[in-house]
PDB file of N, CA and C in Angstrom:
ATOM      1  N   MET A   1      19.053   3.925  -5.043  1.00  0.00           N
ATOM      2  CA  MET A   1      18.000   4.564  -4.278  1.00  0.00           C
ATOM      3  C   MET A   1      16.636   4.131  -4.817  1.00  0.00           C
ATOM      4  N   ARG A   2      15.765   3.747  -3.911  1.00  0.00           N
ATOM      5  CA  ARG A   2      14.422   3.311  -4.318  1.00  0.00           C
ATOM      6  C   ARG A   2      13.618   4.483  -4.857  1.00  0.00           C
ATOM      7  N   ARG A   3      12.775   4.179  -5.824  1.00  0.00           N
ATOM      8  CA  ARG A   3      11.919   5.214  -6.399  1.00  0.00           C
ATOM      9  C   ARG A   3      10.572   4.600  -6.755  1.00  0.00           C
ATOM     10  N   VAL A   4       9.561   5.442  -6.813  1.00  0.00           N
ATOM     11  CA  VAL A   4       8.209   4.984  -7.163  1.00  0.00           C
ATOM     12  C   VAL A   4       8.013   5.163  -8.670  1.00  0.00           C
ATOM     13  N   VAL A   5       7.450   4.133  -9.294  1.00  0.00           N
ATOM     14  CA  VAL A   5       7.074   4.190 -10.704  1.00  0.00           C
ATOM     15  C   VAL A   5       5.545   4.163 -10.739  1.00  0.00           C
ATOM     16  N   TRP A   6       4.958   5.227 -11.275  1.00  0.00           N
ATOM     17  CA  TRP A   6       3.500   5.366 -11.279  1.00  0.00           C
ATOM     18  C   TRP A   6       2.884   4.725 -12.520  1.00  0.00           C
ATOM     19  N   THR A   7       1.783   4.029 -12.315  1.00  0.00           N
ATOM     20  CA  THR A   7       0.995   3.513 -13.445  1.00  0.00           C
ATOM     21  C   THR A   7      -0.159   4.471 -13.689  1.00  0.00           C
ATOM     22  N   GLU A   8      -0.682   4.452 -14.877  1.00  0.00           N
ATOM     23  CA  GLU A   8      -1.846   5.293 -15.178  1.00  0.00           C
ATOM     24  C   GLU A   8      -3.028   4.890 -14.290  1.00  0.00           C
ATOM     25  N   TYR A   9      -3.163   3.577 -14.020  1.00  0.00           N
ATOM     26  CA  TYR A   9      -4.263   3.113 -13.182  1.00  0.00           C
ATOM     27  C   TYR A   9      -4.172   3.711 -11.782  1.00  0.00           C
ATOM     28  N   LEU A  10      -2.984   3.712 -11.184  1.00  0.00           N
ATOM     29  CA  LEU A  10      -2.857   4.270  -9.834  1.00  0.00           C
ATOM     30  C   LEU A  10      -3.100   5.774  -9.853  1.00  0.00           C
ATOM     31  N   ARG A  11      -2.598   6.458 -10.849  1.00  0.00           N
ATOM     32  CA  ARG A  11      -2.868   7.904 -10.959  1.00  0.00           C
ATOM     33  C   ARG A  11      -4.387   8.157 -11.004  1.00  0.00           C
ATOM     34  N   TYR A  12      -5.092   7.332 -11.791  1.00  0.00           N
ATOM     35  CA  TYR A  12      -6.542   7.447 -11.903  1.00  0.00           C
ATOM     36  C   TYR A  12      -7.217   7.202 -10.559  1.00  0.00           C
ATOM     37  N   ARG A  13      -6.830   6.109  -9.862  1.00  0.00           N
ATOM     38  CA  ARG A  13      -7.448   5.783  -8.572  1.00  0.00           C
ATOM     39  C   ARG A  13      -7.170   6.860  -7.532  1.00  0.00           C
ATOM     40  N   ALA A  14      -5.950   7.385  -7.521  1.00  0.00           N
ATOM     41  CA  ALA A  14      -5.598   8.437  -6.577  1.00  0.00           C
ATOM     42  C   ALA A  14      -6.452   9.683  -6.822  1.00  0.00           C
ATOM     43  N   GLN A  15      -6.571  10.074  -8.072  1.00  0.00           N
ATOM     44  CA  GLN A  15      -7.382  11.243  -8.395  1.00  0.00           C
ATOM     45  C   GLN A  15      -8.845  11.011  -8.044  1.00  0.00           C
ATOM     46  N   LEU A  16      -9.363   9.840  -8.388  1.00  0.00           N
ATOM     47  CA  LEU A  16     -10.756   9.503  -8.112  1.00  0.00           C
ATOM     48  C   LEU A  16     -11.059   9.558  -6.611  1.00  0.00           C
ATOM     49  N   ARG A  17     -10.121   9.107  -5.797  1.00  0.00           N
ATOM     50  CA  ARG A  17     -10.325   9.038  -4.347  1.00  0.00           C
ATOM     51  C   ARG A  17      -9.782  10.248  -3.599  1.00  0.00           C
ATOM     52  N   GLY A  18      -9.197  11.205  -4.308  1.00  0.00           N
ATOM     53  CA  GLY A  18      -8.714  12.420  -3.683  1.00  0.00           C
ATOM     54  C   GLY A  18      -7.418  12.271  -2.907  1.00  0.00           C
ATOM     55  N   PHE A  19      -6.557  11.344  -3.337  1.00  0.00           N
ATOM     56  CA  PHE A  19      -5.275  11.127  -2.673  1.00  0.00           C
ATOM     57  C   PHE A  19      -4.162  11.857  -3.415  1.00  0.00           C
ATOM     58  N   GLU A  20      -3.196  12.367  -2.660  1.00  0.00           N
ATOM     59  CA  GLU A  20      -2.051  13.048  -3.248  1.00  0.00           C
ATOM     60  C   GLU A  20      -0.949  12.028  -3.526  1.00  0.00           C
ATOM     61  N   LEU A  21      -0.374  12.115  -4.712  1.00  0.00           N
ATOM     62  CA  LEU A  21       0.684  11.171  -5.090  1.00  0.00           C
ATOM     63  C   LEU A  21       1.898  11.292  -4.166  1.00  0.00           C
ATOM     64  N   ALA A  22       2.210  12.489  -3.707  1.00  0.00           N
ATOM     65  CA  ALA A  22       3.365  12.675  -2.821  1.00  0.00           C
ATOM     66  C   ALA A  22       3.186  11.912  -1.515  1.00  0.00           C
ATOM     67  N   THR A  23       1.976  11.902  -0.985  1.00  0.00           N
ATOM     68  CA  THR A  23       1.710  11.169   0.258  1.00  0.00           C
ATOM     69  C   THR A  23       1.753   9.666   0.015  1.00  0.00           C
ATOM     70  N   ILE A  24       1.188   9.220  -1.092  1.00  0.00           N
ATOM     71  CA  ILE A  24       1.245   7.805  -1.446  1.00  0.00           C
ATOM     72  C   ILE A  24       2.704   7.372  -1.588  1.00  0.00           C
ATOM     73  N   GLU A  25       3.516   8.205  -2.211  1.00  0.00           N
ATOM     74  CA  GLU A  25       4.930   7.895  -2.380  1.00  0.00           C
ATOM     75  C   GLU A  25       5.634   7.731  -1.034  1.00  0.00           C
ATOM     76  N   GLN A  26       5.361   8.624  -0.094  1.00  0.00           N
ATOM     77  CA  GLN A  26       5.981   8.548   1.225  1.00  0.00           C
ATOM     78  C   GLN A  26       5.596   7.243   1.934  1.00  0.00           C
ATOM     79  N   ILE A  27       4.326   6.869   1.840  1.00  0.00           N
ATOM     80  CA  ILE A  27       3.868   5.628   2.468  1.00  0.00           C
ATOM     81  C   ILE A  27       4.532   4.425   1.791  1.00  0.00           C
ATOM     82  N   ALA A  28       4.510   4.400   0.456  1.00  0.00           N
ATOM     83  CA  ALA A  28       5.066   3.258  -0.279  1.00  0.00           C
ATOM     84  C   ALA A  28       6.555   3.075  -0.011  1.00  0.00           C
ATOM     85  N   LEU A  29       7.285   4.170   0.130  1.00  0.00           N
ATOM     86  CA  LEU A  29       8.733   4.076   0.320  1.00  0.00           C
ATOM     87  C   LEU A  29       9.164   3.930   1.773  1.00  0.00           C
ATOM     88  N   PHE A  30       8.433   4.567   2.702  1.00  0.00           N
ATOM     89  CA  PHE A  30       8.949   4.678   4.059  1.00  0.00           C
ATOM     90  C   PHE A  30       8.081   4.109   5.179  1.00  0.00           C
ATOM     91  N   SER A  31       6.918   3.565   4.866  1.00  0.00           N
ATOM     92  CA  SER A  31       6.064   3.022   5.914  1.00  0.00           C
ATOM     93  C   SER A  31       6.780   1.927   6.702  1.00  0.00           C
ATOM     94  N   GLU A  32       6.638   1.979   8.000  1.00  0.00           N
ATOM     95  CA  GLU A  32       7.224   0.934   8.848  1.00  0.00           C
ATOM     96  C   GLU A  32       6.265  -0.233   9.038  1.00  0.00           C
ATOM     97  N   GLU A  33       5.016  -0.062   8.617  1.00  0.00           N
ATOM     98  CA  GLU A  33       4.026  -1.144   8.731  1.00  0.00           C
ATOM     99  C   GLU A  33       3.835  -1.772   7.358  1.00  0.00           C
ATOM    100  N   ARG A  34       4.367  -2.974   7.207  1.00  0.00           N
ATOM    101  CA  ARG A  34       4.329  -3.670   5.915  1.00  0.00           C
ATOM    102  C   ARG A  34       3.915  -5.124   6.115  1.00  0.00           C
ATOM    103  N   TYR A  35       3.251  -5.652   5.100  1.00  0.00           N
ATOM    104  CA  TYR A  35       2.805  -7.035   5.118  1.00  0.00           C
ATOM    105  C   TYR A  35       3.045  -7.652   3.758  1.00  0.00           C
ATOM    106  N   PHE A  36       2.893  -8.969   3.710  1.00  0.00           N
ATOM    107  CA  PHE A  36       2.930  -9.697   2.454  1.00  0.00           C
ATOM    108  C   PHE A  36       1.621 -10.441   2.320  1.00  0.00           C
ATOM    109  N   ASP A  37       0.921 -10.234   1.212  1.00  0.00           N
ATOM    110  CA  ASP A  37      -0.363 -10.888   0.973  1.00  0.00           C
ATOM    111  C   ASP A  37      -0.108 -12.197   0.246  1.00  0.00           C
ATOM    112  N   ASN A  38      -0.366 -13.313   0.927  1.00  0.00           N
ATOM    113  CA  ASN A  38      -0.126 -14.630   0.341  1.00  0.00           C
ATOM    114  C   ASN A  38      -1.033 -14.945  -0.836  1.00  0.00           C
ATOM    115  N   ILE A  39      -2.188 -14.334  -0.884  1.00  0.00           N
ATOM    116  CA  ILE A  39      -3.117 -14.621  -1.980  1.00  0.00           C
ATOM    117  C   ILE A  39      -2.695 -13.897  -3.259  1.00  0.00           C
ATOM    118  N   THR A  40      -2.423 -12.591  -3.162  1.00  0.00           N
ATOM    119  CA  THR A  40      -2.044 -11.831  -4.346  1.00  0.00           C
ATOM    120  C   THR A  40      -0.551 -11.892  -4.630  1.00  0.00           C
ATOM    121  N   GLN A  41       0.226 -12.385  -3.647  1.00  0.00           N
ATOM    122  CA  GLN A  41       1.687 -12.433  -3.769  1.00  0.00           C
ATOM    123  C   GLN A  41       2.282 -11.032  -3.943  1.00  0.00           C
ATOM    124  N   ARG A  42       1.666 -10.065  -3.232  1.00  0.00           N
ATOM    125  CA  ARG A  42       2.156  -8.681  -3.289  1.00  0.00           C
ATOM    126  C   ARG A  42       2.514  -8.208  -1.897  1.00  0.00           C
ATOM    127  N   ARG A  43       3.425  -7.276  -1.858  1.00  0.00           N
ATOM    128  CA  ARG A  43       3.735  -6.582  -0.606  1.00  0.00           C
ATOM    129  C   ARG A  43       2.676  -5.511  -0.400  1.00  0.00           C
ATOM    130  N   VAL A  44       2.479  -5.130   0.874  1.00  0.00           N
ATOM    131  CA  VAL A  44       1.452  -4.151   1.215  1.00  0.00           C
ATOM    132  C   VAL A  44       2.046  -3.168   2.212  1.00  0.00           C
ATOM    133  N   ALA A  45       1.927  -1.876   1.927  1.00  0.00           N
ATOM    134  CA  ALA A  45       2.353  -0.833   2.854  1.00  0.00           C
ATOM    135  C   ALA A  45       1.103  -0.196   3.460  1.00  0.00           C
ATOM    136  N   VAL A  46       1.139   0.071   4.764  1.00  0.00           N
ATOM    137  CA  VAL A  46       0.014   0.671   5.473  1.00  0.00           C
ATOM    138  C   VAL A  46       0.468   1.997   6.043  1.00  0.00           C
ATOM    139  N   GLY A  47      -0.374   3.011   5.929  1.00  0.00           N
ATOM    140  CA  GLY A  47      -0.027   4.319   6.473  1.00  0.00           C
ATOM    141  C   GLY A  47      -1.232   5.228   6.528  1.00  0.00           C
ATOM    142  N   ARG A  48      -0.985   6.469   6.915  1.00  0.00           N
ATOM    143  CA  ARG A  48      -2.050   7.468   7.019  1.00  0.00           C
ATOM    144  C   ARG A  48      -1.937   8.480   5.897  1.00  0.00           C
ATOM    145  N   HIS A  49      -3.076   8.726   5.274  1.00  0.00           N
ATOM    146  CA  HIS A  49      -3.208   9.815   4.310  1.00  0.00           C
ATOM    147  C   HIS A  49      -4.184  10.787   4.942  1.00  0.00           C
ATOM    148  N   GLY A  50      -3.625  11.806   5.573  1.00  0.00           N
ATOM    149  CA  GLY A  50      -4.481  12.693   6.375  1.00  0.00           C
ATOM    150  C   GLY A  50      -5.008  11.906   7.555  1.00  0.00           C
ATOM    151  N   ARG A  51      -6.316  11.880   7.714  1.00  0.00           N
ATOM    152  CA  ARG A  51      -6.928  11.141   8.828  1.00  0.00           C
ATOM    153  C   ARG A  51      -7.315   9.722   8.438  1.00  0.00           C
ATOM    154  N   GLN A  52      -7.152   9.373   7.162  1.00  0.00           N
ATOM    155  CA  GLN A  52      -7.556   8.044   6.700  1.00  0.00           C
ATOM    156  C   GLN A  52      -6.394   7.055   6.760  1.00  0.00           C
ATOM    157  N   LEU A  53      -6.709   5.857   7.212  1.00  0.00           N
ATOM    158  CA  LEU A  53      -5.758   4.757   7.152  1.00  0.00           C
ATOM    159  C   LEU A  53      -5.856   4.146   5.756  1.00  0.00           C
ATOM    160  N   VAL A  54      -4.709   3.987   5.097  1.00  0.00           N
ATOM    161  CA  VAL A  54      -4.716   3.451   3.738  1.00  0.00           C
ATOM    162  C   VAL A  54      -3.787   2.255   3.620  1.00  0.00           C
ATOM    163  N   VAL A  55      -4.108   1.405   2.662  1.00  0.00           N
ATOM    164  CA  VAL A  55      -3.301   0.234   2.334  1.00  0.00           C
ATOM    165  C   VAL A  55      -2.911   0.365   0.865  1.00  0.00           C
ATOM    166  N   ILE A  56      -1.614   0.153   0.601  1.00  0.00           N
ATOM    167  CA  ILE A  56      -1.116   0.271  -0.763  1.00  0.00           C
ATOM    168  C   ILE A  56      -0.415  -1.032  -1.154  1.00  0.00           C
ATOM    169  N   PRO A  57      -1.088  -1.895  -1.910  1.00  0.00           N
ATOM    170  CA  PRO A  57      -0.400  -3.077  -2.453  1.00  0.00           C
ATOM    171  C   PRO A  57       0.612  -2.609  -3.500  1.00  0.00           C
ATOM    172  N   TYR A  58       1.786  -3.237  -3.516  1.00  0.00           N
ATOM    173  CA  TYR A  58       2.801  -2.808  -4.474  1.00  0.00           C
ATOM    174  C   TYR A  58       3.685  -3.975  -4.881  1.00  0.00           C
ATOM    175  N   ASP A  59       4.339  -3.805  -6.024  1.00  0.00           N
ATOM    176  CA  ASP A  59       5.333  -4.751  -6.521  1.00  0.00           C
ATOM    177  C   ASP A  59       6.683  -4.055  -6.446  1.00  0.00           C
ATOM    178  N   GLU A  60       7.742  -4.841  -6.473  1.00  0.00           N
ATOM    179  CA  GLU A  60       9.097  -4.296  -6.516  1.00  0.00           C
ATOM    180  C   GLU A  60       9.847  -4.920  -7.685  1.00  0.00           C
ATOM    181  N   GLU A  61      10.557  -4.078  -8.406  1.00  0.00           N
ATOM    182  CA  GLU A  61      11.419  -4.534  -9.499  1.00  0.00           C
ATOM    183  C   GLU A  61      12.741  -3.809  -9.328  1.00  0.00           C
ATOM    184  N   GLY A  62      13.715  -4.484  -8.731  1.00  0.00           N
ATOM    185  CA  GLY A  62      14.996  -3.851  -8.449  1.00  0.00           C
ATOM    186  C   GLY A  62      14.795  -2.724  -7.449  1.00  0.00           C
ATOM    187  N   GLU A  63      15.172  -1.519  -7.832  1.00  0.00           N
ATOM    188  CA  GLU A  63      15.018  -0.344  -6.968  1.00  0.00           C
ATOM    189  C   GLU A  63      13.669   0.348  -7.166  1.00  0.00           C
ATOM    190  N   ALA A  64      12.854  -0.153  -8.076  1.00  0.00           N
ATOM    191  CA  ALA A  64      11.563   0.470  -8.377  1.00  0.00           C
ATOM    192  C   ALA A  64      10.450  -0.118  -7.522  1.00  0.00           C
ATOM    193  N   VAL A  65       9.632   0.757  -6.950  1.00  0.00           N
ATOM    194  CA  VAL A  65       8.432   0.377  -6.212  1.00  0.00           C
ATOM    195  C   VAL A  65       7.252   0.755  -7.094  1.00  0.00           C
ATOM    196  N   LEU A  66       6.393  -0.233  -7.402  1.00  0.00           N
ATOM    197  CA  LEU A  66       5.263  -0.008  -8.300  1.00  0.00           C
ATOM    198  C   LEU A  66       3.945  -0.176  -7.545  1.00  0.00           C
ATOM    199  N   PRO A  67       3.387   0.917  -6.991  1.00  0.00           N
ATOM    200  CA  PRO A  67       2.098   0.805  -6.312  1.00  0.00           C
ATOM    201  C   PRO A  67       1.036   0.330  -7.295  1.00  0.00           C
ATOM    202  N   VAL A  68       0.198  -0.606  -6.838  1.00  0.00           N
ATOM    203  CA  VAL A  68      -0.815  -1.187  -7.712  1.00  0.00           C
ATOM    204  C   VAL A  68      -2.135  -0.446  -7.591  1.00  0.00           C
ATOM    205  N   THR A  69      -2.561  -0.193  -6.345  1.00  0.00           N
ATOM    206  CA  THR A  69      -3.798   0.543  -6.084  1.00  0.00           C
ATOM    207  C   THR A  69      -3.714   1.063  -4.653  1.00  0.00           C
ATOM    208  N   ILE A  70      -4.776   1.712  -4.197  1.00  0.00           N
ATOM    209  CA  ILE A  70      -4.835   2.208  -2.823  1.00  0.00           C
ATOM    210  C   ILE A  70      -6.237   1.977  -2.284  1.00  0.00           C
ATOM    211  N   HIS A  71      -6.310   1.476  -1.075  1.00  0.00           N
ATOM    212  CA  HIS A  71      -7.586   1.230  -0.389  1.00  0.00           C
ATOM    213  C   HIS A  71      -7.621   2.056   0.883  1.00  0.00           C
ATOM    214  N   ALA A  72      -8.780   2.580   1.220  1.00  0.00           N
ATOM    215  CA  ALA A  72      -8.903   3.415   2.413  1.00  0.00           C
ATOM    216  C   ALA A  72     -10.031   2.930   3.301  1.00  0.00           C
ATOM    217  N   GLY A  73      -9.934   3.309   4.577  1.00  0.00           N
ATOM    218  CA  GLY A  73     -11.020   3.061   5.515  1.00  0.00           C
ATOM    219  C   GLY A  73     -11.168   1.613   5.892  1.00  0.00           C
ATOM    220  N   GLY A  74     -12.396   1.177   6.053  1.00  0.00           N
ATOM    221  CA  GLY A  74     -12.674  -0.161   6.567  1.00  0.00           C
ATOM    222  C   GLY A  74     -12.751  -1.232   5.504  1.00  0.00           C
ATOM    223  N   SER A  75     -12.175  -0.985   4.322  1.00  0.00           N
ATOM    224  CA  SER A  75     -12.286  -1.973   3.248  1.00  0.00           C
ATOM    225  C   SER A  75     -11.200  -3.040   3.314  1.00  0.00           C
ATOM    226  N   PHE A  76     -10.488  -3.112   4.434  1.00  0.00           N
ATOM    227  CA  PHE A  76      -9.435  -4.104   4.570  1.00  0.00           C
ATOM    228  C   PHE A  76      -9.249  -4.446   6.041  1.00  0.00           C
ATOM    229  N   ILE A  77      -8.586  -5.544   6.285  1.00  0.00           N
ATOM    230  CA  ILE A  77      -8.266  -5.973   7.647  1.00  0.00           C
ATOM    231  C   ILE A  77      -6.835  -5.549   7.923  1.00  0.00           C
ATOM    232  N   CYS A  78      -6.597  -4.852   9.051  1.00  0.00           N
ATOM    233  CA  CYS A  78      -5.237  -4.351   9.223  1.00  0.00           C
ATOM    234  C   CYS A  78      -4.632  -4.619  10.597  1.00  0.00           C
ATOM    235  N   SER A  79      -5.361  -5.192  11.537  1.00  0.00           N
ATOM    236  CA  SER A  79      -4.710  -5.406  12.827  1.00  0.00           C
ATOM    237  C   SER A  79      -5.437  -6.459  13.657  1.00  0.00           C
ATOM    238  N   GLY A  80      -4.782  -6.856  14.738  1.00  0.00           N
ATOM    239  CA  GLY A  80      -5.382  -7.748  15.718  1.00  0.00           C
ATOM    240  C   GLY A  80      -5.572  -9.164  15.227  1.00  0.00           C
ATOM    241  N   PRO A  81      -6.458  -9.906  15.885  1.00  0.00           N
ATOM    242  CA  PRO A  81      -6.681 -11.311  15.547  1.00  0.00           C
ATOM    243  C   PRO A  81      -7.151 -11.507  14.118  1.00  0.00           C
ATOM    244  N   ALA A  82      -7.877 -10.545  13.586  1.00  0.00           N
ATOM    245  CA  ALA A  82      -8.358 -10.682  12.210  1.00  0.00           C
ATOM    246  C   ALA A  82      -7.185 -10.722  11.239  1.00  0.00           C
ATOM    247  N   LEU A  83      -6.137  -9.950  11.534  1.00  0.00           N
ATOM    248  CA  LEU A  83      -4.959  -9.963  10.671  1.00  0.00           C
ATOM    249  C   LEU A  83      -4.323 -11.340  10.665  1.00  0.00           C
ATOM    250  N   ARG A  84      -4.191 -11.943  11.822  1.00  0.00           N
ATOM    251  CA  ARG A  84      -3.545 -13.255  11.901  1.00  0.00           C
ATOM    252  C   ARG A  84      -4.334 -14.311  11.132  1.00  0.00           C
ATOM    253  N   ALA A  85      -5.634 -14.108  11.010  1.00  0.00           N
ATOM    254  CA  ALA A  85      -6.469 -15.055  10.285  1.00  0.00           C
ATOM    255  C   ALA A  85      -6.542 -14.735   8.797  1.00  0.00           C
ATOM    256  N   SER A  86      -6.000 -13.599   8.406  1.00  0.00           N
ATOM    257  CA  SER A  86      -6.099 -13.194   7.001  1.00  0.00           C
ATOM    258  C   SER A  86      -4.940 -13.771   6.194  1.00  0.00           C
ATOM    259  N   SER A  87      -4.832 -13.324   4.966  1.00  0.00           N
ATOM    260  CA  SER A  87      -3.758 -13.815   4.099  1.00  0.00           C
ATOM    261  C   SER A  87      -2.497 -12.968   4.249  1.00  0.00           C
ATOM    262  N   TRP A  88      -2.508 -11.965   5.115  1.00  0.00           N
ATOM    263  CA  TRP A  88      -1.355 -11.087   5.271  1.00  0.00           C
ATOM    264  C   TRP A  88      -0.382 -11.631   6.304  1.00  0.00           C
ATOM    265  N   MET A  89       0.903 -11.507   5.988  1.00  0.00           N
ATOM    266  CA  MET A  89       1.959 -11.876   6.924  1.00  0.00           C
ATOM    267  C   MET A  89       2.857 -10.648   7.113  1.00  0.00           C
ATOM    268  N   ALA A  90       3.385 -10.444   8.321  1.00  0.00           N
ATOM    269  CA  ALA A  90       4.300  -9.333   8.557  1.00  0.00           C
ATOM    270  C   ALA A  90       5.483  -9.457   7.615  1.00  0.00           C
ATOM    271  N   SER A  91       5.940  -8.327   7.093  1.00  0.00           N
ATOM    272  CA  SER A  91       7.037  -8.296   6.137  1.00  0.00           C
ATOM    273  C   SER A  91       8.168  -7.463   6.694  1.00  0.00           C
ATOM    274  N   ASP A  92       9.380  -7.761   6.257  1.00  0.00           N
ATOM    275  CA  ASP A  92      10.546  -6.963   6.679  1.00  0.00           C
ATOM    276  C   ASP A  92      10.623  -5.672   5.919  1.00  0.00           C
TER     277      ASP A  92
END
């Protein structure tokens, strides 16, 4: 069974930005919108935290999902033609 492994950095970023770890965990584990970032070589999960759209880059090690950080709002490209021009590719 997949599980989330929290880093101190992500805990810090979540607290700083007012995000709940339980919601981040749900997005990281169950989001149906996922991409692969060719530049960072990381997987990316996209979801909603309340009314905010968030992006969570993460690594995987076996059954462990390791969220790296969380970005919210307009600080990322997430759809349409801009996505196709970005470094993100749809992921399974």
